[in-house]
Amino acid sequence: MKKWLHNANRGIILLAIVVLGVFIFLIFDAIKTNQQKAVIRDLSYQFISDSHTLFTFPSEMDLSDREAVKKENLTPVLSQNVSPLFQYMVDNEAVRMSLVDGCYNFMYGCFFNERYPISCTRTPTEINIIEVYRGSATVDVTSNTVIEYRNAEGDSFSTTSTMTDTLLFLYQDGQWKLAAYSNGLMSSFQSDTDYIEYG
């Protein structure tokens, strides 16, 4: 055996060792990526399911009060209304307030059209992880979204739509956190990456 090793081409042996090392690395990397995708998929499903608060007018607000929809009056209430979603987001106030601003834009549009969203349910039907790369992940989530509205006369009606949301996650402090979010009903919000410290 020693004689064979001594006579063998050392370059071929070194190449075989490098190829084997790369192969093992790729296998472990694929396993880790699949584990991360499972976590991201679960987070995406839960966030979209919980995001019904973005499309529900705060119950404590008087729908007939035109002062209530002024930004300075409505924003603090919306912030409290959507605060359960903050657990999914990066630890950054600017990012969180961007979500609240997007929610405000939706609510203001509803108020302008004299229809007020009083309840919402969202059921994810498809989760497509577009990319996981260097501590970030982009995900498209398709969901069935049912929003119940009340108009100025007090009549209720509902709309059902298939909505696609785009989520951008960052890996921060050992966890995947939402850093950007957009969909068809709300203005998109983007985080200012200058404020984010990557984990």
N, C-alpha and C. Protein backbone atom coordinates (compact mmCIF):
# COMPACT_ATOMS: atom_id res chain seq x y z
N MET A 1 0.83 -1.20 0.00
CA MET A 1 0.00 0.00 0.00
C MET A 1 0.87 1.25 0.00
N LYS A 2 1.89 1.28 0.87
CA LYS A 2 2.78 2.43 0.92
C LYS A 2 3.50 2.61 -0.40
N LYS A 3 3.89 1.48 -1.01
CA LYS A 3 4.59 1.55 -2.29
C LYS A 3 3.67 2.13 -3.37
N TRP A 4 2.37 1.73 -3.33
CA TRP A 4 1.41 2.26 -4.30
C TRP A 4 1.24 3.76 -4.13
N LEU A 5 1.09 4.22 -2.85
CA LEU A 5 0.95 5.64 -2.57
C LEU A 5 2.19 6.40 -3.02
N HIS A 6 3.33 5.80 -2.82
CA HIS A 6 4.59 6.46 -3.19
C HIS A 6 4.68 6.64 -4.70
N ASN A 7 4.21 5.62 -5.45
CA ASN A 7 4.29 5.67 -6.91
C ASN A 7 3.11 6.41 -7.56
N ALA A 8 2.02 6.58 -6.83
CA ALA A 8 0.82 7.21 -7.40
C ALA A 8 1.06 8.68 -7.68
N ASN A 9 0.30 9.19 -8.61
CA ASN A 9 0.38 10.61 -8.95
C ASN A 9 -0.26 11.41 -7.82
N ARG A 10 0.55 12.20 -7.12
CA ARG A 10 0.05 12.94 -5.95
C ARG A 10 -1.00 13.99 -6.36
N GLY A 11 -0.89 14.50 -7.56
CA GLY A 11 -1.87 15.48 -8.04
C GLY A 11 -3.26 14.88 -8.16
N ILE A 12 -3.33 13.64 -8.63
CA ILE A 12 -4.63 12.98 -8.76
C ILE A 12 -5.22 12.70 -7.38
N ILE A 13 -4.37 12.27 -6.46
CA ILE A 13 -4.85 12.00 -5.09
C ILE A 13 -5.34 13.29 -4.45
N LEU A 14 -4.60 14.38 -4.62
CA LEU A 14 -5.01 15.67 -4.06
C LEU A 14 -6.32 16.14 -4.68
N LEU A 15 -6.46 15.97 -6.00
CA LEU A 15 -7.69 16.34 -6.67
C LEU A 15 -8.88 15.54 -6.14
N ALA A 16 -8.67 14.24 -5.93
CA ALA A 16 -9.74 13.38 -5.41
C ALA A 16 -10.17 13.83 -4.02
N ILE A 17 -9.19 14.21 -3.18
CA ILE A 17 -9.50 14.68 -1.82
C ILE A 17 -10.29 15.98 -1.88
N VAL A 18 -9.89 16.91 -2.77
CA VAL A 18 -10.59 18.19 -2.91
C VAL A 18 -12.02 17.97 -3.40
N VAL A 19 -12.19 17.12 -4.40
CA VAL A 19 -13.53 16.83 -4.93
C VAL A 19 -14.41 16.22 -3.84
N LEU A 20 -13.86 15.30 -3.07
CA LEU A 20 -14.62 14.68 -1.98
C LEU A 20 -15.02 15.73 -0.94
N GLY A 21 -14.09 16.63 -0.62
CA GLY A 21 -14.38 17.69 0.35
C GLY A 21 -15.49 18.61 -0.12
N VAL A 22 -15.41 19.00 -1.40
CA VAL A 22 -16.45 19.86 -1.97
C VAL A 22 -17.80 19.14 -1.97
N PHE A 23 -17.81 17.88 -2.32
CA PHE A 23 -19.03 17.08 -2.34
C PHE A 23 -19.66 17.03 -0.94
N ILE A 24 -18.85 16.77 0.08
CA ILE A 24 -19.36 16.73 1.46
C ILE A 24 -19.89 18.09 1.87
N PHE A 25 -19.16 19.18 1.51
CA PHE A 25 -19.62 20.53 1.85
C PHE A 25 -20.98 20.81 1.21
N LEU A 26 -21.14 20.47 -0.06
CA LEU A 26 -22.40 20.73 -0.76
C LEU A 26 -23.56 19.95 -0.14
N ILE A 27 -23.29 18.74 0.31
CA ILE A 27 -24.34 17.95 0.96
C ILE A 27 -24.79 18.62 2.26
N PHE A 28 -23.81 19.01 3.10
CA PHE A 28 -24.15 19.66 4.36
C PHE A 28 -24.82 21.01 4.13
N ASP A 29 -24.37 21.74 3.10
CA ASP A 29 -24.97 23.04 2.79
C ASP A 29 -26.42 22.85 2.34
N ALA A 30 -26.69 21.83 1.54
CA ALA A 30 -28.06 21.56 1.08
C ALA A 30 -28.96 21.19 2.26
N ILE A 31 -28.43 20.39 3.18
CA ILE A 31 -29.21 20.01 4.37
C ILE A 31 -29.55 21.25 5.20
N LYS A 32 -28.54 22.12 5.40
CA LYS A 32 -28.76 23.34 6.19
C LYS A 32 -29.76 24.27 5.50
N THR A 33 -29.62 24.42 4.18
CA THR A 33 -30.54 25.28 3.43
C THR A 33 -31.97 24.75 3.50
N ASN A 34 -32.15 23.44 3.40
CA ASN A 34 -33.49 22.86 3.49
C ASN A 34 -34.09 23.08 4.88
N GLN A 35 -33.26 23.00 5.92
CA GLN A 35 -33.74 23.27 7.27
C GLN A 35 -34.18 24.73 7.40
N GLN A 36 -33.35 25.65 6.83
CA GLN A 36 -33.70 27.07 6.87
C GLN A 36 -34.98 27.35 6.08
N LYS A 37 -35.14 26.68 4.94
CA LYS A 37 -36.35 26.87 4.14
C LYS A 37 -37.60 26.44 4.90
N ALA A 38 -37.49 25.37 5.68
CA ALA A 38 -38.64 24.92 6.46
C ALA A 38 -39.03 25.98 7.49
N VAL A 39 -38.03 26.58 8.14
CA VAL A 39 -38.30 27.64 9.12
C VAL A 39 -38.93 28.85 8.43
N ILE A 40 -38.37 29.25 7.29
CA ILE A 40 -38.89 30.40 6.55
C ILE A 40 -40.32 30.14 6.07
N ARG A 41 -40.58 28.93 5.61
CA ARG A 41 -41.93 28.57 5.14
C ARG A 41 -42.94 28.68 6.29
N ASP A 42 -42.58 28.18 7.46
CA ASP A 42 -43.48 28.26 8.62
C ASP A 42 -43.72 29.71 9.04
N LEU A 43 -42.65 30.52 9.05
CA LEU A 43 -42.79 31.93 9.41
C LEU A 43 -43.68 32.66 8.42
N SER A 44 -43.49 32.39 7.14
CA SER A 44 -44.29 33.04 6.11
C SER A 44 -45.77 32.70 6.26
N TYR A 45 -46.05 31.42 6.50
CA TYR A 45 -47.43 30.98 6.68
C TYR A 45 -48.07 31.68 7.88
N GLN A 46 -47.34 31.71 8.98
CA GLN A 46 -47.89 32.30 10.20
C GLN A 46 -48.08 33.81 10.07
N PHE A 47 -47.09 34.48 9.45
CA PHE A 47 -47.21 35.93 9.29
C PHE A 47 -48.43 36.29 8.44
N ILE A 48 -48.60 35.62 7.30
CA ILE A 48 -49.73 35.93 6.43
C ILE A 48 -51.05 35.63 7.14
N SER A 49 -51.11 34.54 7.87
CA SER A 49 -52.33 34.21 8.63
C SER A 49 -52.64 35.28 9.66
N ASP A 50 -51.60 35.81 10.31
CA ASP A 50 -51.79 36.82 11.36
C ASP A 50 -51.96 38.23 10.81
N SER A 51 -51.67 38.42 9.52
CA SER A 51 -51.67 39.78 8.97
C SER A 51 -53.07 40.34 8.70
N HIS A 52 -54.08 39.61 9.12
CA HIS A 52 -55.46 40.12 8.95
C HIS A 52 -55.64 41.47 9.63
N THR A 53 -54.84 41.76 10.66
CA THR A 53 -54.97 43.05 11.37
C THR A 53 -54.62 44.23 10.47
N LEU A 54 -53.81 43.99 9.43
CA LEU A 54 -53.46 45.07 8.50
C LEU A 54 -54.67 45.54 7.71
N PHE A 55 -55.68 44.69 7.61
CA PHE A 55 -56.84 44.97 6.77
C PHE A 55 -58.13 45.03 7.59
N THR A 56 -57.99 45.38 8.85
CA THR A 56 -59.15 45.48 9.74
C THR A 56 -59.11 46.82 10.45
N PHE A 57 -60.16 47.62 10.28
CA PHE A 57 -60.22 48.93 10.93
C PHE A 57 -60.33 48.72 12.44
N PRO A 58 -59.54 49.47 13.22
CA PRO A 58 -59.60 49.29 14.68
C PRO A 58 -61.02 49.42 15.21
N SER A 59 -61.45 48.45 15.97
CA SER A 59 -62.84 48.40 16.43
C SER A 59 -63.20 49.57 17.35
N GLU A 60 -62.19 50.13 18.01
CA GLU A 60 -62.49 51.22 18.96
C GLU A 60 -62.67 52.57 18.26
N MET A 61 -62.39 52.63 16.96
CA MET A 61 -62.49 53.89 16.23
C MET A 61 -63.93 54.12 15.77
N ASP A 62 -64.37 55.38 15.82
CA ASP A 62 -65.70 55.77 15.35
C ASP A 62 -65.62 56.02 13.84
N LEU A 63 -66.30 55.18 13.07
CA LEU A 63 -66.21 55.27 11.62
C LEU A 63 -66.79 56.57 11.06
N SER A 64 -67.66 57.22 11.81
CA SER A 64 -68.27 58.46 11.32
C SER A 64 -67.45 59.69 11.68
N ASP A 65 -66.40 59.53 12.45
CA ASP A 65 -65.59 60.65 12.91
C ASP A 65 -64.48 60.94 11.88
N ARG A 66 -64.63 62.05 11.15
CA ARG A 66 -63.64 62.38 10.11
C ARG A 66 -62.29 62.75 10.73
N GLU A 67 -62.28 63.20 11.96
CA GLU A 67 -61.01 63.51 12.63
C GLU A 67 -60.21 62.24 12.92
N ALA A 68 -60.93 61.12 13.05
CA ALA A 68 -60.27 59.87 13.43
C ALA A 68 -59.28 59.39 12.38
N VAL A 69 -59.52 59.74 11.11
CA VAL A 69 -58.65 59.24 10.05
C VAL A 69 -57.47 60.16 9.75
N LYS A 70 -57.39 61.26 10.45
CA LYS A 70 -56.18 62.08 10.29
C LYS A 70 -54.99 61.26 10.75
N LYS A 71 -53.91 61.42 10.03
CA LYS A 71 -52.74 60.56 10.26
C LYS A 71 -52.28 60.60 11.71
N GLU A 72 -52.24 61.78 12.30
CA GLU A 72 -51.75 61.89 13.68
C GLU A 72 -52.67 61.20 14.68
N ASN A 73 -53.95 61.04 14.34
CA ASN A 73 -54.90 60.35 15.23
C ASN A 73 -54.96 58.85 14.97
N LEU A 74 -54.90 58.48 13.69
CA LEU A 74 -55.09 57.08 13.33
C LEU A 74 -53.81 56.25 13.48
N THR A 75 -52.65 56.85 13.22
CA THR A 75 -51.40 56.09 13.24
C THR A 75 -51.11 55.42 14.58
N PRO A 76 -51.26 56.11 15.73
CA PRO A 76 -50.99 55.42 17.01
C PRO A 76 -51.93 54.23 17.25
N VAL A 77 -53.19 54.34 16.80
CA VAL A 77 -54.14 53.25 16.98
C VAL A 77 -53.77 52.08 16.07
N LEU A 78 -53.39 52.39 14.82
CA LEU A 78 -52.97 51.33 13.90
C LEU A 78 -51.71 50.64 14.39
N SER A 79 -50.81 51.41 14.97
CA SER A 79 -49.57 50.83 15.51
C SER A 79 -49.89 49.81 16.58
N GLN A 80 -50.83 50.14 17.45
CA GLN A 80 -51.24 49.20 18.49
C GLN A 80 -51.98 48.01 17.89
N ASN A 81 -52.77 48.28 16.85
CA ASN A 81 -53.56 47.23 16.19
C ASN A 81 -52.67 46.18 15.52
N VAL A 82 -51.58 46.62 14.90
CA VAL A 82 -50.70 45.69 14.16
C VAL A 82 -49.50 45.24 14.99
N SER A 83 -49.41 45.69 16.24
CA SER A 83 -48.25 45.34 17.07
C SER A 83 -48.00 43.84 17.23
N PRO A 84 -49.02 42.96 17.18
CA PRO A 84 -48.71 41.53 17.23
C PRO A 84 -47.82 41.05 16.08
N LEU A 85 -47.79 41.81 14.97
CA LEU A 85 -46.94 41.42 13.84
C LEU A 85 -45.48 41.81 14.04
N PHE A 86 -45.22 42.69 15.00
CA PHE A 86 -43.85 43.15 15.21
C PHE A 86 -42.92 42.02 15.62
N GLN A 87 -43.45 40.97 16.20
CA GLN A 87 -42.61 39.83 16.61
C GLN A 87 -41.92 39.17 15.42
N TYR A 88 -42.50 39.34 14.22
CA TYR A 88 -41.93 38.73 13.03
C TYR A 88 -40.86 39.61 12.38
N MET A 89 -40.72 40.84 12.84
CA MET A 89 -39.94 41.83 12.13
C MET A 89 -38.58 42.07 12.76
N VAL A 90 -37.66 42.64 11.93
CA VAL A 90 -36.35 42.99 12.44
C VAL A 90 -36.51 44.02 13.55
N ASP A 91 -35.55 44.05 14.43
CA ASP A 91 -35.60 44.95 15.58
C ASP A 91 -35.20 46.35 15.13
N ASN A 92 -36.13 47.03 14.47
CA ASN A 92 -35.87 48.33 13.90
C ASN A 92 -37.16 49.12 13.83
N GLU A 93 -37.19 50.25 14.50
CA GLU A 93 -38.41 51.05 14.59
C GLU A 93 -38.85 51.58 13.23
N ALA A 94 -37.88 51.98 12.39
CA ALA A 94 -38.22 52.51 11.07
C ALA A 94 -38.94 51.46 10.22
N VAL A 95 -38.51 50.22 10.32
CA VAL A 95 -39.15 49.15 9.55
C VAL A 95 -40.57 48.92 10.06
N ARG A 96 -40.72 48.91 11.38
CA ARG A 96 -42.05 48.69 11.95
C ARG A 96 -43.01 49.81 11.57
N MET A 97 -42.53 51.05 11.63
CA MET A 97 -43.40 52.17 11.28
C MET A 97 -43.73 52.18 9.78
N SER A 98 -42.85 51.62 8.95
CA SER A 98 -43.17 51.50 7.53
C SER A 98 -44.38 50.60 7.31
N LEU A 99 -44.47 49.53 8.11
CA LEU A 99 -45.63 48.65 8.04
C LEU A 99 -46.89 49.39 8.47
N VAL A 100 -46.78 50.18 9.53
CA VAL A 100 -47.93 50.97 10.00
C VAL A 100 -48.34 51.99 8.95
N ASP A 101 -47.37 52.63 8.30
CA ASP A 101 -47.68 53.60 7.25
C ASP A 101 -48.41 52.94 6.08
N GLY A 102 -47.98 51.73 5.70
CA GLY A 102 -48.66 51.01 4.64
C GLY A 102 -50.10 50.69 5.02
N CYS A 103 -50.28 50.30 6.27
CA CYS A 103 -51.62 50.02 6.78
C CYS A 103 -52.48 51.29 6.75
N TYR A 104 -51.87 52.41 7.12
CA TYR A 104 -52.60 53.68 7.09
C TYR A 104 -53.06 54.02 5.68
N ASN A 105 -52.17 53.82 4.69
CA ASN A 105 -52.54 54.11 3.30
C ASN A 105 -53.76 53.30 2.87
N PHE A 106 -53.78 52.02 3.25
CA PHE A 106 -54.93 51.17 2.92
C PHE A 106 -56.19 51.69 3.60
N MET A 107 -56.09 52.00 4.91
CA MET A 107 -57.26 52.46 5.66
C MET A 107 -57.78 53.80 5.13
N TYR A 108 -56.85 54.69 4.78
CA TYR A 108 -57.27 55.99 4.26
C TYR A 108 -58.01 55.83 2.94
N GLY A 109 -57.51 54.92 2.08
CA GLY A 109 -58.19 54.65 0.82
C GLY A 109 -59.60 54.12 1.04
N CYS A 110 -59.72 53.23 2.03
CA CYS A 110 -61.05 52.69 2.36
C CYS A 110 -61.98 53.78 2.86
N PHE A 111 -61.46 54.64 3.73
CA PHE A 111 -62.27 55.71 4.30
C PHE A 111 -62.69 56.68 3.19
N PHE A 112 -61.78 56.98 2.29
CA PHE A 112 -62.07 57.90 1.18
C PHE A 112 -63.21 57.34 0.32
N ASN A 113 -63.24 56.02 0.16
CA ASN A 113 -64.29 55.37 -0.64
C ASN A 113 -65.51 54.99 0.20
N GLU A 114 -65.52 55.41 1.45
CA GLU A 114 -66.63 55.18 2.38
C GLU A 114 -66.99 53.71 2.52
N ARG A 115 -65.96 52.90 2.64
CA ARG A 115 -66.16 51.49 2.99
C ARG A 115 -65.08 51.14 4.00
N TYR A 116 -65.51 50.56 5.09
CA TYR A 116 -64.62 50.35 6.22
C TYR A 116 -64.41 48.86 6.47
N PRO A 117 -63.18 48.40 6.42
CA PRO A 117 -62.93 46.97 6.63
C PRO A 117 -63.11 46.60 8.11
N ILE A 118 -64.08 45.75 8.39
CA ILE A 118 -64.37 45.42 9.79
C ILE A 118 -63.87 44.04 10.19
N SER A 119 -63.54 43.19 9.20
CA SER A 119 -62.93 41.91 9.54
C SER A 119 -62.19 41.38 8.31
N CYS A 120 -61.24 40.49 8.57
CA CYS A 120 -60.45 39.93 7.48
C CYS A 120 -59.95 38.55 7.89
N THR A 121 -59.95 37.64 6.95
CA THR A 121 -59.30 36.34 7.16
C THR A 121 -58.39 36.09 5.97
N ARG A 122 -57.21 35.52 6.26
CA ARG A 122 -56.24 35.23 5.21
C ARG A 122 -55.77 33.79 5.35
N THR A 123 -55.87 33.04 4.28
CA THR A 123 -55.46 31.63 4.29
C THR A 123 -54.41 31.42 3.21
N PRO A 124 -53.14 31.22 3.60
CA PRO A 124 -52.10 30.96 2.60
C PRO A 124 -52.38 29.67 1.84
N THR A 125 -52.25 29.72 0.52
CA THR A 125 -52.48 28.54 -0.32
C THR A 125 -51.21 28.06 -1.00
N GLU A 126 -50.24 28.96 -1.18
CA GLU A 126 -48.98 28.57 -1.82
C GLU A 126 -47.86 29.45 -1.30
N ILE A 127 -46.75 28.82 -0.95
CA ILE A 127 -45.57 29.54 -0.48
C ILE A 127 -44.41 29.17 -1.40
N ASN A 128 -43.87 30.18 -2.06
CA ASN A 128 -42.79 29.97 -3.01
C ASN A 128 -41.54 30.70 -2.50
N ILE A 129 -40.56 29.94 -2.04
CA ILE A 129 -39.31 30.54 -1.58
C ILE A 129 -38.45 30.77 -2.82
N ILE A 130 -38.33 32.02 -3.21
CA ILE A 130 -37.65 32.35 -4.45
C ILE A 130 -36.14 32.20 -4.30
N GLU A 131 -35.62 32.68 -3.18
CA GLU A 131 -34.17 32.65 -3.01
C GLU A 131 -33.81 32.69 -1.53
N VAL A 132 -32.79 31.93 -1.18
CA VAL A 132 -32.16 32.02 0.14
C VAL A 132 -30.68 32.20 -0.14
N TYR A 133 -30.14 33.38 0.24
CA TYR A 133 -28.77 33.68 -0.12
C TYR A 133 -28.14 34.63 0.89
N ARG A 134 -27.03 34.21 1.47
CA ARG A 134 -26.20 35.04 2.34
C ARG A 134 -27.00 35.81 3.38
N GLY A 135 -27.81 35.12 4.14
CA GLY A 135 -28.54 35.75 5.23
C GLY A 135 -29.80 36.48 4.84
N SER A 136 -30.29 36.27 3.62
CA SER A 136 -31.57 36.86 3.22
C SER A 136 -32.39 35.84 2.47
N ALA A 137 -33.69 36.03 2.50
CA ALA A 137 -34.60 35.12 1.81
C ALA A 137 -35.77 35.91 1.25
N THR A 138 -36.14 35.62 0.01
CA THR A 138 -37.28 36.26 -0.63
C THR A 138 -38.36 35.21 -0.85
N VAL A 139 -39.59 35.56 -0.43
CA VAL A 139 -40.69 34.60 -0.46
C VAL A 139 -41.93 35.25 -1.06
N ASP A 140 -42.59 34.55 -1.96
CA ASP A 140 -43.91 34.96 -2.44
C ASP A 140 -44.95 34.03 -1.82
N VAL A 141 -45.97 34.63 -1.21
CA VAL A 141 -47.04 33.86 -0.57
C VAL A 141 -48.37 34.22 -1.23
N THR A 142 -49.04 33.23 -1.78
CA THR A 142 -50.37 33.43 -2.35
C THR A 142 -51.39 33.01 -1.31
N SER A 143 -52.42 33.83 -1.13
CA SER A 143 -53.42 33.53 -0.11
C SER A 143 -54.82 33.88 -0.60
N ASN A 144 -55.80 33.20 -0.04
CA ASN A 144 -57.20 33.59 -0.21
C ASN A 144 -57.51 34.60 0.89
N THR A 145 -57.92 35.79 0.48
CA THR A 145 -58.17 36.87 1.44
C THR A 145 -59.62 37.30 1.35
N VAL A 146 -60.31 37.24 2.48
CA VAL A 146 -61.70 37.67 2.55
C VAL A 146 -61.77 38.87 3.48
N ILE A 147 -62.24 40.01 2.96
CA ILE A 147 -62.38 41.22 3.77
C ILE A 147 -63.85 41.60 3.81
N GLU A 148 -64.36 41.78 5.02
CA GLU A 148 -65.74 42.24 5.19
C GLU A 148 -65.73 43.75 5.42
N TYR A 149 -66.55 44.45 4.66
CA TYR A 149 -66.63 45.91 4.75
C TYR A 149 -68.01 46.34 5.25
N ARG A 150 -68.04 47.53 5.79
CA ARG A 150 -69.31 48.20 6.10
C ARG A 150 -69.29 49.54 5.39
N ASN A 151 -70.37 49.89 4.70
CA ASN A 151 -70.40 51.18 4.01
C ASN A 151 -71.00 52.26 4.89
N ALA A 152 -71.11 53.46 4.34
CA ALA A 152 -71.58 54.61 5.12
C ALA A 152 -73.01 54.43 5.60
N GLU A 153 -73.79 53.62 4.88
CA GLU A 153 -75.19 53.38 5.28
C GLU A 153 -75.30 52.27 6.33
N GLY A 154 -74.19 51.62 6.64
CA GLY A 154 -74.20 50.55 7.64
C GLY A 154 -74.39 49.17 7.05
N ASP A 155 -74.49 49.07 5.73
CA ASP A 155 -74.63 47.76 5.08
C ASP A 155 -73.28 47.06 5.00
N SER A 156 -73.30 45.75 5.17
CA SER A 156 -72.07 44.96 5.12
C SER A 156 -71.98 44.18 3.81
N PHE A 157 -70.78 44.04 3.32
CA PHE A 157 -70.52 43.20 2.15
C PHE A 157 -69.07 42.71 2.26
N SER A 158 -68.75 41.68 1.52
CA SER A 158 -67.38 41.16 1.60
C SER A 158 -66.80 40.96 0.21
N THR A 159 -65.49 40.98 0.15
CA THR A 159 -64.77 40.70 -1.09
C THR A 159 -63.83 39.52 -0.83
N THR A 160 -63.69 38.69 -1.84
CA THR A 160 -62.77 37.56 -1.77
C THR A 160 -61.77 37.70 -2.91
N SER A 161 -60.51 37.61 -2.57
CA SER A 161 -59.50 37.76 -3.62
C SER A 161 -58.33 36.82 -3.36
N THR A 162 -57.62 36.52 -4.43
CA THR A 162 -56.37 35.79 -4.33
C THR A 162 -55.27 36.84 -4.36
N MET A 163 -54.51 36.91 -3.29
CA MET A 163 -53.52 37.96 -3.13
C MET A 163 -52.13 37.34 -3.02
N THR A 164 -51.15 37.99 -3.64
CA THR A 164 -49.77 37.55 -3.50
C THR A 164 -48.99 38.59 -2.72
N ASP A 165 -48.36 38.16 -1.66
CA ASP A 165 -47.53 39.01 -0.83
C ASP A 165 -46.07 38.62 -1.06
N THR A 166 -45.20 39.60 -1.08
CA THR A 166 -43.77 39.34 -1.19
C THR A 166 -43.11 39.71 0.13
N LEU A 167 -42.37 38.77 0.68
CA LEU A 167 -41.70 38.96 1.97
C LEU A 167 -40.19 38.86 1.77
N LEU A 168 -39.47 39.75 2.43
CA LEU A 168 -38.01 39.66 2.46
C LEU A 168 -37.59 39.45 3.90
N PHE A 169 -36.94 38.33 4.15
CA PHE A 169 -36.45 38.01 5.49
C PHE A 169 -34.94 38.22 5.55
N LEU A 170 -34.48 38.64 6.73
CA LEU A 170 -33.04 38.72 7.01
C LEU A 170 -32.75 37.83 8.21
N TYR A 171 -31.58 37.23 8.19
CA TYR A 171 -31.15 36.42 9.33
C TYR A 171 -30.46 37.34 10.31
N GLN A 172 -31.10 37.55 11.48
CA GLN A 172 -30.63 38.53 12.45
C GLN A 172 -30.65 37.92 13.84
N ASP A 173 -29.52 37.96 14.51
CA ASP A 173 -29.41 37.44 15.88
C ASP A 173 -29.89 35.99 15.97
N GLY A 174 -29.52 35.18 14.97
CA GLY A 174 -29.85 33.76 15.01
C GLY A 174 -31.28 33.43 14.64
N GLN A 175 -32.04 34.41 14.10
CA GLN A 175 -33.43 34.17 13.72
C GLN A 175 -33.72 34.85 12.38
N TRP A 176 -34.69 34.28 11.65
CA TRP A 176 -35.17 34.93 10.45
C TRP A 176 -36.21 35.96 10.82
N LYS A 177 -36.02 37.21 10.36
CA LYS A 177 -36.94 38.30 10.67
C LYS A 177 -37.34 39.03 9.40
N LEU A 178 -38.57 39.51 9.38
CA LEU A 178 -39.11 40.21 8.22
C LEU A 178 -38.52 41.62 8.14
N ALA A 179 -37.99 41.97 6.95
CA ALA A 179 -37.39 43.29 6.76
C ALA A 179 -38.12 44.12 5.69
N ALA A 180 -38.88 43.46 4.83
CA ALA A 180 -39.65 44.18 3.81
C ALA A 180 -40.86 43.34 3.43
N TYR A 181 -41.94 44.04 3.07
CA TYR A 181 -43.22 43.36 2.79
C TYR A 181 -44.00 44.19 1.79
N SER A 182 -44.62 43.54 0.83
CA SER A 182 -45.50 44.27 -0.09
C SER A 182 -46.62 43.36 -0.56
N ASN A 183 -47.74 44.00 -0.92
CA ASN A 183 -48.85 43.27 -1.54
C ASN A 183 -49.69 44.23 -2.37
N GLY A 184 -50.75 43.72 -2.95
CA GLY A 184 -51.54 44.53 -3.88
C GLY A 184 -52.42 45.57 -3.22
N LEU A 185 -52.79 45.39 -1.97
CA LEU A 185 -53.71 46.33 -1.33
C LEU A 185 -53.01 47.44 -0.58
N MET A 186 -51.86 47.14 -0.04
CA MET A 186 -51.11 48.14 0.73
C MET A 186 -49.96 48.64 -0.11
N SER A 187 -49.56 49.87 0.14
CA SER A 187 -48.30 50.33 -0.45
C SER A 187 -47.20 49.49 0.16
N SER A 188 -46.22 49.15 -0.64
CA SER A 188 -45.14 48.31 -0.13
C SER A 188 -44.33 49.09 0.88
N PHE A 189 -43.73 48.37 1.79
CA PHE A 189 -42.78 49.02 2.67
C PHE A 189 -41.44 48.35 2.52
N GLN A 190 -40.40 49.15 2.61
CA GLN A 190 -39.04 48.66 2.48
C GLN A 190 -38.26 49.14 3.69
N SER A 191 -37.40 48.30 4.17
CA SER A 191 -36.53 48.72 5.25
C SER A 191 -35.37 49.51 4.67
N ASP A 192 -34.87 50.44 5.44
CA ASP A 192 -33.64 51.12 5.07
C ASP A 192 -32.50 50.27 5.59
N THR A 193 -31.80 49.62 4.68
CA THR A 193 -30.79 48.63 5.11
C THR A 193 -29.65 49.28 5.88
N ASP A 194 -29.51 50.62 5.80
CA ASP A 194 -28.47 51.27 6.58
C ASP A 194 -28.72 51.11 8.08
N TYR A 195 -29.98 50.89 8.46
CA TYR A 195 -30.32 50.80 9.87
C TYR A 195 -30.22 49.38 10.41
N ILE A 196 -30.05 48.42 9.50
CA ILE A 196 -30.11 47.02 9.93
C ILE A 196 -28.72 46.48 10.16
N GLU A 197 -28.54 45.85 11.29
CA GLU A 197 -27.28 45.18 11.56
C GLU A 197 -27.47 43.71 11.25
N TYR A 198 -26.68 43.20 10.34
CA TYR A 198 -26.81 41.81 9.92
C TYR A 198 -26.17 40.91 10.95
N GLY A 199 -26.86 39.77 11.24
CA GLY A 199 -26.38 38.82 12.22
C GLY A 199 -25.36 37.88 11.64
